[in-house]
Amino acid sequence: MDQSRDTEEATLVSYHITLRENEDIAKQPRFSILFLLYLNRSVGFSELQRLLKLTPGNLDYHLRKLKKLGYVSIRKVISWRPLTIVEITSEGTNVFKTYVTTLRKLLENIE
């Protein structure tokens, strides 16, 4: 019985370590940005700003952090007006999916 409990605790600790390794995306604006991009693959800067109710400077700060980590790409598009498009990268998709799956497993163990 003790071995089972030790195994369960070791599993929970490994989940916690996985979440800590990805704490850059745990910050609420970054998690929300990745969540929206995960659902839509790409979103315009203005649309992200509107949905998340962030200032342009605050959104830009978090996008630069995510870009530096390789989780998003940012490109400028010229149509009838200049647009900034933010896209999730395959690495960003994998990291976000792993983070959410791990978080779900950890939360399942809370009674």
PDB file of N, CA and C in Angstrom:
ATOM      1  N   MET A   1       0.820  -1.195   0.000  1.00  0.00           N
ATOM      2  CA  MET A   1       0.000   0.000   0.000  1.00  0.00           C
ATOM      3  C   MET A   1       0.859   1.253   0.000  1.00  0.00           C
ATOM      4  N   ASP A   2       1.948   1.240   0.783  1.00  0.00           N
ATOM      5  CA  ASP A   2       2.849   2.391   0.820  1.00  0.00           C
ATOM      6  C   ASP A   2       3.532   2.614  -0.519  1.00  0.00           C
ATOM      7  N   GLN A   3       3.861   1.527  -1.216  1.00  0.00           N
ATOM      8  CA  GLN A   3       4.507   1.660  -2.515  1.00  0.00           C
ATOM      9  C   GLN A   3       3.570   2.342  -3.511  1.00  0.00           C
ATOM     10  N   SER A   4       2.307   2.013  -3.449  1.00  0.00           N
ATOM     11  CA  SER A   4       1.323   2.647  -4.328  1.00  0.00           C
ATOM     12  C   SER A   4       1.232   4.146  -4.052  1.00  0.00           C
ATOM     13  N   ARG A   5       1.230   4.498  -2.779  1.00  0.00           N
ATOM     14  CA  ARG A   5       1.168   5.916  -2.398  1.00  0.00           C
ATOM     15  C   ARG A   5       2.441   6.647  -2.828  1.00  0.00           C
ATOM     16  N   ASP A   6       3.601   5.986  -2.671  1.00  0.00           N
ATOM     17  CA  ASP A   6       4.868   6.592  -3.097  1.00  0.00           C
ATOM     18  C   ASP A   6       4.885   6.818  -4.600  1.00  0.00           C
ATOM     19  N   THR A   7       4.365   5.852  -5.350  1.00  0.00           N
ATOM     20  CA  THR A   7       4.303   5.978  -6.808  1.00  0.00           C
ATOM     21  C   THR A   7       3.387   7.135  -7.202  1.00  0.00           C
ATOM     22  N   GLU A   8       2.246   7.234  -6.526  1.00  0.00           N
ATOM     23  CA  GLU A   8       1.301   8.317  -6.809  1.00  0.00           C
ATOM     24  C   GLU A   8       1.930   9.669  -6.496  1.00  0.00           C
ATOM     25  N   GLU A   9       2.620   9.768  -5.379  1.00  0.00           N
ATOM     26  CA  GLU A   9       3.275  11.018  -5.014  1.00  0.00           C
ATOM     27  C   GLU A   9       4.383  11.372  -6.004  1.00  0.00           C
ATOM     28  N   ALA A  10       5.139  10.375  -6.430  1.00  0.00           N
ATOM     29  CA  ALA A  10       6.207  10.612  -7.413  1.00  0.00           C
ATOM     30  C   ALA A  10       5.614  11.110  -8.723  1.00  0.00           C
ATOM     31  N   THR A  11       4.460  10.560  -9.110  1.00  0.00           N
ATOM     32  CA  THR A  11       3.792  11.000 -10.332  1.00  0.00           C
ATOM     33  C   THR A  11       3.342  12.447 -10.197  1.00  0.00           C
ATOM     34  N   LEU A  12       2.752  12.793  -9.057  1.00  0.00           N
ATOM     35  CA  LEU A  12       2.306  14.167  -8.834  1.00  0.00           C
ATOM     36  C   LEU A  12       3.487  15.132  -8.835  1.00  0.00           C
ATOM     37  N   VAL A  13       4.597  14.718  -8.247  1.00  0.00           N
ATOM     38  CA  VAL A  13       5.796  15.566  -8.248  1.00  0.00           C
ATOM     39  C   VAL A  13       6.296  15.755  -9.674  1.00  0.00           C
ATOM     40  N   SER A  14       6.268  14.706 -10.483  1.00  0.00           N
ATOM     41  CA  SER A  14       6.723  14.842 -11.880  1.00  0.00           C
ATOM     42  C   SER A  14       5.808  15.788 -12.652  1.00  0.00           C
ATOM     43  N   TYR A  15       4.497  15.745 -12.380  1.00  0.00           N
ATOM     44  CA  TYR A  15       3.576  16.692 -13.013  1.00  0.00           C
ATOM     45  C   TYR A  15       3.928  18.115 -12.606  1.00  0.00           C
ATOM     46  N   HIS A  16       4.174  18.281 -11.325  1.00  0.00           N
ATOM     47  CA  HIS A  16       4.514  19.623 -10.818  1.00  0.00           C
ATOM     48  C   HIS A  16       5.800  20.141 -11.470  1.00  0.00           C
ATOM     49  N   ILE A  17       6.788  19.284 -11.606  1.00  0.00           N
ATOM     50  CA  ILE A  17       8.055  19.674 -12.232  1.00  0.00           C
ATOM     51  C   ILE A  17       7.824  20.081 -13.683  1.00  0.00           C
ATOM     52  N   THR A  18       6.986  19.320 -14.395  1.00  0.00           N
ATOM     53  CA  THR A  18       6.673  19.656 -15.783  1.00  0.00           C
ATOM     54  C   THR A  18       6.037  21.038 -15.876  1.00  0.00           C
ATOM     55  N   LEU A  19       5.112  21.324 -14.966  1.00  0.00           N
ATOM     56  CA  LEU A  19       4.470  22.637 -14.964  1.00  0.00           C
ATOM     57  C   LEU A  19       5.472  23.733 -14.639  1.00  0.00           C
ATOM     58  N   ARG A  20       6.363  23.490 -13.690  1.00  0.00           N
ATOM     59  CA  ARG A  20       7.366  24.493 -13.310  1.00  0.00           C
ATOM     60  C   ARG A  20       8.336  24.773 -14.464  1.00  0.00           C
ATOM     61  N   GLU A  21       8.649  23.751 -15.229  1.00  0.00           N
ATOM     62  CA  GLU A  21       9.547  23.938 -16.370  1.00  0.00           C
ATOM     63  C   GLU A  21       8.932  24.859 -17.419  1.00  0.00           C
ATOM     64  N   ASN A  22       7.629  24.949 -17.433  1.00  0.00           N
ATOM     65  CA  ASN A  22       6.924  25.785 -18.401  1.00  0.00           C
ATOM     66  C   ASN A  22       6.252  26.978 -17.742  1.00  0.00           C
ATOM     67  N   GLU A  23       6.837  27.484 -16.685  1.00  0.00           N
ATOM     68  CA  GLU A  23       6.184  28.575 -15.957  1.00  0.00           C
ATOM     69  C   GLU A  23       6.081  29.861 -16.779  1.00  0.00           C
ATOM     70  N   ASP A  24       6.850  29.965 -17.856  1.00  0.00           N
ATOM     71  CA  ASP A  24       6.730  31.143 -18.719  1.00  0.00           C
ATOM     72  C   ASP A  24       5.343  31.245 -19.343  1.00  0.00           C
ATOM     73  N   ILE A  25       4.704  30.118 -19.587  1.00  0.00           N
ATOM     74  CA  ILE A  25       3.358  30.179 -20.166  1.00  0.00           C
ATOM     75  C   ILE A  25       2.279  30.146 -19.094  1.00  0.00           C
ATOM     76  N   ALA A  26       2.668  29.968 -17.850  1.00  0.00           N
ATOM     77  CA  ALA A  26       1.683  29.948 -16.763  1.00  0.00           C
ATOM     78  C   ALA A  26       1.169  31.349 -16.438  1.00  0.00           C
ATOM     79  N   LYS A  27       1.945  32.356 -16.796  1.00  0.00           N
ATOM     80  CA  LYS A  27       1.500  33.724 -16.538  1.00  0.00           C
ATOM     81  C   LYS A  27       0.217  33.962 -17.326  1.00  0.00           C
ATOM     82  N   GLN A  28      -0.777  34.503 -16.673  1.00  0.00           N
ATOM     83  CA  GLN A  28      -2.125  34.562 -17.223  1.00  0.00           C
ATOM     84  C   GLN A  28      -2.204  35.141 -18.639  1.00  0.00           C
ATOM     85  N   PRO A  29      -1.612  36.278 -18.951  1.00  0.00           N
ATOM     86  CA  PRO A  29      -1.751  36.766 -20.337  1.00  0.00           C
ATOM     87  C   PRO A  29      -1.139  35.809 -21.363  1.00  0.00           C
ATOM     88  N   ARG A  30      -0.008  35.208 -21.039  1.00  0.00           N
ATOM     89  CA  ARG A  30       0.644  34.306 -21.996  1.00  0.00           C
ATOM     90  C   ARG A  30      -0.159  33.035 -22.191  1.00  0.00           C
ATOM     91  N   PHE A  31      -0.702  32.513 -21.113  1.00  0.00           N
ATOM     92  CA  PHE A  31      -1.561  31.329 -21.219  1.00  0.00           C
ATOM     93  C   PHE A  31      -2.762  31.648 -22.105  1.00  0.00           C
ATOM     94  N   SER A  32      -3.381  32.803 -21.884  1.00  0.00           N
ATOM     95  CA  SER A  32      -4.554  33.197 -22.678  1.00  0.00           C
ATOM     96  C   SER A  32      -4.195  33.404 -24.146  1.00  0.00           C
ATOM     97  N   ILE A  33      -3.053  34.005 -24.400  1.00  0.00           N
ATOM     98  CA  ILE A  33      -2.601  34.201 -25.784  1.00  0.00           C
ATOM     99  C   ILE A  33      -2.437  32.849 -26.469  1.00  0.00           C
ATOM    100  N   LEU A  34      -1.719  31.931 -25.810  1.00  0.00           N
ATOM    101  CA  LEU A  34      -1.499  30.609 -26.405  1.00  0.00           C
ATOM    102  C   LEU A  34      -2.812  29.842 -26.553  1.00  0.00           C
ATOM    103  N   PHE A  35      -3.719  29.998 -25.602  1.00  0.00           N
ATOM    104  CA  PHE A  35      -5.016  29.334 -25.690  1.00  0.00           C
ATOM    105  C   PHE A  35      -5.774  29.800 -26.939  1.00  0.00           C
ATOM    106  N   LEU A  36      -5.852  31.101 -27.140  1.00  0.00           N
ATOM    107  CA  LEU A  36      -6.552  31.629 -28.317  1.00  0.00           C
ATOM    108  C   LEU A  36      -5.872  31.202 -29.611  1.00  0.00           C
ATOM    109  N   LEU A  37      -4.548  31.220 -29.613  1.00  0.00           N
ATOM    110  CA  LEU A  37      -3.826  30.805 -30.816  1.00  0.00           C
ATOM    111  C   LEU A  37      -3.961  29.301 -31.052  1.00  0.00           C
ATOM    112  N   TYR A  38      -3.988  28.531 -29.982  1.00  0.00           N
ATOM    113  CA  TYR A  38      -4.162  27.081 -30.118  1.00  0.00           C
ATOM    114  C   TYR A  38      -5.510  26.771 -30.774  1.00  0.00           C
ATOM    115  N   LEU A  39      -6.527  27.525 -30.386  1.00  0.00           N
ATOM    116  CA  LEU A  39      -7.863  27.310 -30.955  1.00  0.00           C
ATOM    117  C   LEU A  39      -7.974  27.802 -32.395  1.00  0.00           C
ATOM    118  N   ASN A  40      -7.289  28.917 -32.710  1.00  0.00           N
ATOM    119  CA  ASN A  40      -7.475  29.574 -34.010  1.00  0.00           C
ATOM    120  C   ASN A  40      -6.258  29.526 -34.933  1.00  0.00           C
ATOM    121  N   ARG A  41      -5.138  29.063 -34.455  1.00  0.00           N
ATOM    122  CA  ARG A  41      -3.861  29.012 -35.187  1.00  0.00           C
ATOM    123  C   ARG A  41      -3.246  30.382 -35.445  1.00  0.00           C
ATOM    124  N   SER A  42      -4.049  31.374 -35.806  1.00  0.00           N
ATOM    125  CA  SER A  42      -3.518  32.728 -35.976  1.00  0.00           C
ATOM    126  C   SER A  42      -4.612  33.740 -35.633  1.00  0.00           C
ATOM    127  N   VAL A  43      -4.165  34.856 -35.061  1.00  0.00           N
ATOM    128  CA  VAL A  43      -5.084  35.926 -34.670  1.00  0.00           C
ATOM    129  C   VAL A  43      -4.358  37.247 -34.891  1.00  0.00           C
ATOM    130  N   GLY A  44      -5.099  38.246 -35.310  1.00  0.00           N
ATOM    131  CA  GLY A  44      -4.520  39.569 -35.481  1.00  0.00           C
ATOM    132  C   GLY A  44      -4.201  40.213 -34.130  1.00  0.00           C
ATOM    133  N   PHE A  45      -3.186  41.066 -34.133  1.00  0.00           N
ATOM    134  CA  PHE A  45      -2.764  41.752 -32.920  1.00  0.00           C
ATOM    135  C   PHE A  45      -3.932  42.515 -32.297  1.00  0.00           C
ATOM    136  N   SER A  46      -4.656  43.279 -33.110  1.00  0.00           N
ATOM    137  CA  SER A  46      -5.779  44.077 -32.595  1.00  0.00           C
ATOM    138  C   SER A  46      -6.866  43.199 -31.994  1.00  0.00           C
ATOM    139  N   GLU A  47      -7.117  42.069 -32.620  1.00  0.00           N
ATOM    140  CA  GLU A  47      -8.135  41.136 -32.115  1.00  0.00           C
ATOM    141  C   GLU A  47      -7.689  40.544 -30.772  1.00  0.00           C
ATOM    142  N   LEU A  48      -6.416  40.159 -30.663  1.00  0.00           N
ATOM    143  CA  LEU A  48      -5.886  39.666 -29.384  1.00  0.00           C
ATOM    144  C   LEU A  48      -6.027  40.730 -28.300  1.00  0.00           C
ATOM    145  N   GLN A  49      -5.678  41.936 -28.658  1.00  0.00           N
ATOM    146  CA  GLN A  49      -5.756  43.045 -27.699  1.00  0.00           C
ATOM    147  C   GLN A  49      -7.199  43.225 -27.219  1.00  0.00           C
ATOM    148  N   ARG A  50      -8.128  43.184 -28.140  1.00  0.00           N
ATOM    149  CA  ARG A  50      -9.543  43.368 -27.794  1.00  0.00           C
ATOM    150  C   ARG A  50     -10.057  42.216 -26.929  1.00  0.00           C
ATOM    151  N   LEU A  51      -9.761  40.989 -27.322  1.00  0.00           N
ATOM    152  CA  LEU A  51     -10.250  39.819 -26.595  1.00  0.00           C
ATOM    153  C   LEU A  51      -9.670  39.720 -25.187  1.00  0.00           C
ATOM    154  N   LEU A  52      -8.401  40.055 -25.054  1.00  0.00           N
ATOM    155  CA  LEU A  52      -7.725  39.900 -23.763  1.00  0.00           C
ATOM    156  C   LEU A  52      -7.758  41.161 -22.910  1.00  0.00           C
ATOM    157  N   LYS A  53      -8.262  42.247 -23.512  1.00  0.00           N
ATOM    158  CA  LYS A  53      -8.343  43.529 -22.803  1.00  0.00           C
ATOM    159  C   LYS A  53      -6.976  43.954 -22.252  1.00  0.00           C
ATOM    160  N   LEU A  54      -5.965  43.887 -23.128  1.00  0.00           N
ATOM    161  CA  LEU A  54      -4.610  44.302 -22.786  1.00  0.00           C
ATOM    162  C   LEU A  54      -4.269  45.582 -23.538  1.00  0.00           C
ATOM    163  N   THR A  55      -3.377  46.360 -22.962  1.00  0.00           N
ATOM    164  CA  THR A  55      -2.884  47.529 -23.682  1.00  0.00           C
ATOM    165  C   THR A  55      -1.955  47.048 -24.788  1.00  0.00           C
ATOM    166  N   PRO A  56      -1.752  47.853 -25.830  1.00  0.00           N
ATOM    167  CA  PRO A  56      -0.836  47.436 -26.898  1.00  0.00           C
ATOM    168  C   PRO A  56       0.566  47.121 -26.362  1.00  0.00           C
ATOM    169  N   GLY A  57       1.043  47.933 -25.435  1.00  0.00           N
ATOM    170  CA  GLY A  57       2.383  47.707 -24.877  1.00  0.00           C
ATOM    171  C   GLY A  57       2.473  46.420 -24.080  1.00  0.00           C
ATOM    172  N   ASN A  58       1.439  46.129 -23.297  1.00  0.00           N
ATOM    173  CA  ASN A  58       1.429  44.917 -22.496  1.00  0.00           C
ATOM    174  C   ASN A  58       1.355  43.682 -23.387  1.00  0.00           C
ATOM    175  N   LEU A  59       0.497  43.711 -24.396  1.00  0.00           N
ATOM    176  CA  LEU A  59       0.387  42.589 -25.325  1.00  0.00           C
ATOM    177  C   LEU A  59       1.695  42.387 -26.069  1.00  0.00           C
ATOM    178  N   ASP A  60       2.296  43.473 -26.524  1.00  0.00           N
ATOM    179  CA  ASP A  60       3.569  43.392 -27.231  1.00  0.00           C
ATOM    180  C   ASP A  60       4.648  42.759 -26.355  1.00  0.00           C
ATOM    181  N   TYR A  61       4.694  43.133 -25.090  1.00  0.00           N
ATOM    182  CA  TYR A  61       5.677  42.588 -24.144  1.00  0.00           C
ATOM    183  C   TYR A  61       5.535  41.063 -24.060  1.00  0.00           C
ATOM    184  N   HIS A  62       4.304  40.586 -23.859  1.00  0.00           N
ATOM    185  CA  HIS A  62       4.083  39.145 -23.721  1.00  0.00           C
ATOM    186  C   HIS A  62       4.327  38.404 -25.037  1.00  0.00           C
ATOM    187  N   LEU A  63       3.973  39.019 -26.150  1.00  0.00           N
ATOM    188  CA  LEU A  63       4.235  38.389 -27.450  1.00  0.00           C
ATOM    189  C   LEU A  63       5.730  38.271 -27.716  1.00  0.00           C
ATOM    190  N   ARG A  64       6.496  39.295 -27.340  1.00  0.00           N
ATOM    191  CA  ARG A  64       7.951  39.218 -27.523  1.00  0.00           C
ATOM    192  C   ARG A  64       8.552  38.083 -26.695  1.00  0.00           C
ATOM    193  N   LYS A  65       8.053  37.891 -25.470  1.00  0.00           N
ATOM    194  CA  LYS A  65       8.520  36.783 -24.621  1.00  0.00           C
ATOM    195  C   LYS A  65       8.198  35.439 -25.274  1.00  0.00           C
ATOM    196  N   LEU A  66       6.964  35.292 -25.764  1.00  0.00           N
ATOM    197  CA  LEU A  66       6.568  34.040 -26.405  1.00  0.00           C
ATOM    198  C   LEU A  66       7.337  33.800 -27.707  1.00  0.00           C
ATOM    199  N   LYS A  67       7.617  34.865 -28.439  1.00  0.00           N
ATOM    200  CA  LYS A  67       8.392  34.741 -29.675  1.00  0.00           C
ATOM    201  C   LYS A  67       9.822  34.314 -29.370  1.00  0.00           C
ATOM    202  N   LYS A  68      10.404  34.886 -28.337  1.00  0.00           N
ATOM    203  CA  LYS A  68      11.774  34.531 -27.937  1.00  0.00           C
ATOM    204  C   LYS A  68      11.863  33.053 -27.553  1.00  0.00           C
ATOM    205  N   LEU A  69      10.801  32.523 -26.953  1.00  0.00           N
ATOM    206  CA  LEU A  69      10.754  31.107 -26.587  1.00  0.00           C
ATOM    207  C   LEU A  69      10.487  30.209 -27.791  1.00  0.00           C
ATOM    208  N   GLY A  70      10.082  30.804 -28.916  1.00  0.00           N
ATOM    209  CA  GLY A  70       9.790  30.038 -30.126  1.00  0.00           C
ATOM    210  C   GLY A  70       8.366  29.521 -30.190  1.00  0.00           C
ATOM    211  N   TYR A  71       7.473  30.064 -29.354  1.00  0.00           N
ATOM    212  CA  TYR A  71       6.100  29.576 -29.285  1.00  0.00           C
ATOM    213  C   TYR A  71       5.160  30.288 -30.256  1.00  0.00           C
ATOM    214  N   VAL A  72       5.512  31.492 -30.667  1.00  0.00           N
ATOM    215  CA  VAL A  72       4.685  32.225 -31.629  1.00  0.00           C
ATOM    216  C   VAL A  72       5.578  32.849 -32.692  1.00  0.00           C
ATOM    217  N   SER A  73       4.965  33.140 -33.820  1.00  0.00           N
ATOM    218  CA  SER A  73       5.639  33.931 -34.854  1.00  0.00           C
ATOM    219  C   SER A  73       4.746  35.135 -35.134  1.00  0.00           C
ATOM    220  N   ILE A  74       5.384  36.221 -35.531  1.00  0.00           N
ATOM    221  CA  ILE A  74       4.659  37.466 -35.776  1.00  0.00           C
ATOM    222  C   ILE A  74       5.043  37.949 -37.162  1.00  0.00           C
ATOM    223  N   ARG A  75       4.040  38.271 -37.956  1.00  0.00           N
ATOM    224  CA  ARG A  75       4.337  38.779 -39.296  1.00  0.00           C
ATOM    225  C   ARG A  75       3.423  39.957 -39.616  1.00  0.00           C
ATOM    226  N   LYS A  76       3.940  40.827 -40.445  1.00  0.00           N
ATOM    227  CA  LYS A  76       3.181  42.001 -40.896  1.00  0.00           C
ATOM    228  C   LYS A  76       2.590  41.681 -42.262  1.00  0.00           C
ATOM    229  N   VAL A  77       1.347  42.073 -42.448  1.00  0.00           N
ATOM    230  CA  VAL A  77       0.651  41.854 -43.705  1.00  0.00           C
ATOM    231  C   VAL A  77       0.086  43.196 -44.162  1.00  0.00           C
ATOM    232  N   ILE A  78       0.257  43.469 -45.435  1.00  0.00           N
ATOM    233  CA  ILE A  78      -0.306  44.694 -45.994  1.00  0.00           C
ATOM    234  C   ILE A  78      -1.520  44.310 -46.825  1.00  0.00           C
ATOM    235  N   SER A  79      -2.668  44.734 -46.389  1.00  0.00           N
ATOM    236  CA  SER A  79      -3.875  44.579 -47.201  1.00  0.00           C
ATOM    237  C   SER A  79      -4.388  45.998 -47.424  1.00  0.00           C
ATOM    238  N   TRP A  80      -5.641  46.255 -47.197  1.00  0.00           N
ATOM    239  CA  TRP A  80      -6.115  47.628 -47.340  1.00  0.00           C
ATOM    240  C   TRP A  80      -5.586  48.490 -46.203  1.00  0.00           C
ATOM    241  N   ARG A  81      -5.066  47.809 -45.141  1.00  0.00           N
ATOM    242  CA  ARG A  81      -4.358  48.498 -44.058  1.00  0.00           C
ATOM    243  C   ARG A  81      -3.345  47.522 -43.493  1.00  0.00           C
ATOM    244  N   PRO A  82      -2.297  48.026 -42.880  1.00  0.00           N
ATOM    245  CA  PRO A  82      -1.293  47.112 -42.303  1.00  0.00           C
ATOM    246  C   PRO A  82      -1.877  46.303 -41.133  1.00  0.00           C
ATOM    247  N   LEU A  83      -1.580  45.022 -41.120  1.00  0.00           N
ATOM    248  CA  LEU A  83      -2.032  44.136 -40.054  1.00  0.00           C
ATOM    249  C   LEU A  83      -0.844  43.377 -39.476  1.00  0.00           C
ATOM    250  N   THR A  84      -0.912  43.097 -38.191  1.00  0.00           N
ATOM    251  CA  THR A  84       0.067  42.239 -37.542  1.00  0.00           C
ATOM    252  C   THR A  84      -0.641  40.944 -37.190  1.00  0.00           C
ATOM    253  N   ILE A  85      -0.128  39.850 -37.721  1.00  0.00           N
ATOM    254  CA  ILE A  85      -0.719  38.536 -37.506  1.00  0.00           C
ATOM    255  C   ILE A  85       0.193  37.750 -36.567  1.00  0.00           C
ATOM    256  N   VAL A  86      -0.406  37.162 -35.538  1.00  0.00           N
ATOM    257  CA  VAL A  86       0.320  36.339 -34.580  1.00  0.00           C
ATOM    258  C   VAL A  86      -0.115  34.896 -34.802  1.00  0.00           C
ATOM    259  N   GLU A  87       0.863  34.010 -34.954  1.00  0.00           N
ATOM    260  CA  GLU A  87       0.581  32.597 -35.203  1.00  0.00           C
ATOM    261  C   GLU A  87       1.300  31.739 -34.170  1.00  0.00           C
ATOM    262  N   ILE A  88       0.669  30.639 -33.789  1.00  0.00           N
ATOM    263  CA  ILE A  88       1.317  29.702 -32.891  1.00  0.00           C
ATOM    264  C   ILE A  88       2.217  28.792 -33.724  1.00  0.00           C
ATOM    265  N   THR A  89       3.400  28.504 -33.221  1.00  0.00           N
ATOM    266  CA  THR A  89       4.326  27.608 -33.918  1.00  0.00           C
ATOM    267  C   THR A  89       4.029  26.168 -33.513  1.00  0.00           C
ATOM    268  N   SER A  90       4.613  25.224 -34.211  1.00  0.00           N
ATOM    269  CA  SER A  90       4.417  23.817 -33.837  1.00  0.00           C
ATOM    270  C   SER A  90       4.986  23.567 -32.446  1.00  0.00           C
ATOM    271  N   GLU A  91       6.093  24.221 -32.112  1.00  0.00           N
ATOM    272  CA  GLU A  91       6.658  24.087 -30.768  1.00  0.00           C
ATOM    273  C   GLU A  91       5.697  24.656 -29.725  1.00  0.00           C
ATOM    274  N   GLY A  92       5.113  25.807 -30.032  1.00  0.00           N
ATOM    275  CA  GLY A  92       4.138  26.408 -29.132  1.00  0.00           C
ATOM    276  C   GLY A  92       2.932  25.508 -28.926  1.00  0.00           C
ATOM    277  N   THR A  93       2.468  24.891 -30.001  1.00  0.00           N
ATOM    278  CA  THR A  93       1.343  23.966 -29.915  1.00  0.00           C
ATOM    279  C   THR A  93       1.681  22.792 -29.012  1.00  0.00           C
ATOM    280  N   ASN A  94       2.855  22.204 -29.213  1.00  0.00           N
ATOM    281  CA  ASN A  94       3.266  21.050 -28.406  1.00  0.00           C
ATOM    282  C   ASN A  94       3.422  21.416 -26.931  1.00  0.00           C
ATOM    283  N   VAL A  95       4.064  22.548 -26.659  1.00  0.00           N
ATOM    284  CA  VAL A  95       4.285  22.967 -25.274  1.00  0.00           C
ATOM    285  C   VAL A  95       2.958  23.269 -24.589  1.00  0.00           C
ATOM    286  N   PHE A  96       2.074  23.968 -25.286  1.00  0.00           N
ATOM    287  CA  PHE A  96       0.780  24.307 -24.698  1.00  0.00           C
ATOM    288  C   PHE A  96      -0.031  23.041 -24.415  1.00  0.00           C
ATOM    289  N   LYS A  97      -0.061  22.142 -25.369  1.00  0.00           N
ATOM    290  CA  LYS A  97      -0.816  20.897 -25.206  1.00  0.00           C
ATOM    291  C   LYS A  97      -0.271  20.082 -24.032  1.00  0.00           C
ATOM    292  N   THR A  98       1.049  19.974 -23.928  1.00  0.00           N
ATOM    293  CA  THR A  98       1.675  19.253 -22.820  1.00  0.00           C
ATOM    294  C   THR A  98       1.344  19.918 -21.491  1.00  0.00           C
ATOM    295  N   TYR A  99       1.416  21.239 -21.468  1.00  0.00           N
ATOM    296  CA  TYR A  99       1.137  21.985 -20.244  1.00  0.00           C
ATOM    297  C   TYR A  99      -0.301  21.744 -19.782  1.00  0.00           C
ATOM    298  N   VAL A 100      -1.253  21.860 -20.683  1.00  0.00           N
ATOM    299  CA  VAL A 100      -2.667  21.689 -20.335  1.00  0.00           C
ATOM    300  C   VAL A 100      -2.950  20.249 -19.920  1.00  0.00           C
ATOM    301  N   THR A 101      -2.392  19.287 -20.625  1.00  0.00           N
ATOM    302  CA  THR A 101      -2.595  17.882 -20.282  1.00  0.00           C
ATOM    303  C   THR A 101      -2.033  17.579 -18.895  1.00  0.00           C
ATOM    304  N   THR A 102      -0.855  18.090 -18.610  1.00  0.00           N
ATOM    305  CA  THR A 102      -0.231  17.878 -17.309  1.00  0.00           C
ATOM    306  C   THR A 102      -1.043  18.550 -16.206  1.00  0.00           C
ATOM    307  N   LEU A 103      -1.497  19.757 -16.455  1.00  0.00           N
ATOM    308  CA  LEU A 103      -2.316  20.467 -15.483  1.00  0.00           C
ATOM    309  C   LEU A 103      -3.605  19.693 -15.203  1.00  0.00           C
ATOM    310  N   ARG A 104      -4.224  19.179 -16.241  1.00  0.00           N
ATOM    311  CA  ARG A 104      -5.448  18.389 -16.079  1.00  0.00           C
ATOM    312  C   ARG A 104      -5.183  17.154 -15.216  1.00  0.00           C
ATOM    313  N   LYS A 105      -4.088  16.452 -15.475  1.00  0.00           N
ATOM    314  CA  LYS A 105      -3.751  15.258 -14.694  1.00  0.00           C
ATOM    315  C   LYS A 105      -3.498  15.617 -13.230  1.00  0.00           C
ATOM    316  N   LEU A 106      -2.834  16.718 -13.000  1.00  0.00           N
ATOM    317  CA  LEU A 106      -2.563  17.149 -11.638  1.00  0.00           C
ATOM    318  C   LEU A 106      -3.861  17.504 -10.914  1.00  0.00           C
ATOM    319  N   LEU A 107      -4.743  18.207 -11.593  1.00  0.00           N
ATOM    320  CA  LEU A 107      -6.005  18.606 -10.974  1.00  0.00           C
ATOM    321  C   LEU A 107      -6.934  17.418 -10.709  1.00  0.00           C
ATOM    322  N   GLU A 108      -6.829  16.372 -11.506  1.00  0.00           N
ATOM    323  CA  GLU A 108      -7.651  15.187 -11.282  1.00  0.00           C
ATOM    324  C   GLU A 108      -7.363  14.539  -9.940  1.00  0.00           C
ATOM    325  N   ASN A 109      -6.170  14.780  -9.379  1.00  0.00           N
ATOM    326  CA  ASN A 109      -5.787  14.178  -8.124  1.00  0.00           C
ATOM    327  C   ASN A 109      -6.191  14.994  -6.903  1.00  0.00           C
ATOM    328  N   ILE A 110      -6.842  16.103  -7.145  1.00  0.00           N
ATOM    329  CA  ILE A 110      -7.313  16.919  -6.022  1.00  0.00           C
ATOM    330  C   ILE A 110      -8.719  16.449  -5.662  1.00  0.00           C
ATOM    331  N   GLU A 111      -8.887  16.160  -4.430  1.00  0.00           N
ATOM    332  CA  GLU A 111     -10.211  15.672  -3.988  1.00  0.00           C
ATOM    333  C   GLU A 111     -11.041  16.801  -3.454  1.00  0.00           C
TER     334      GLU A 111
END
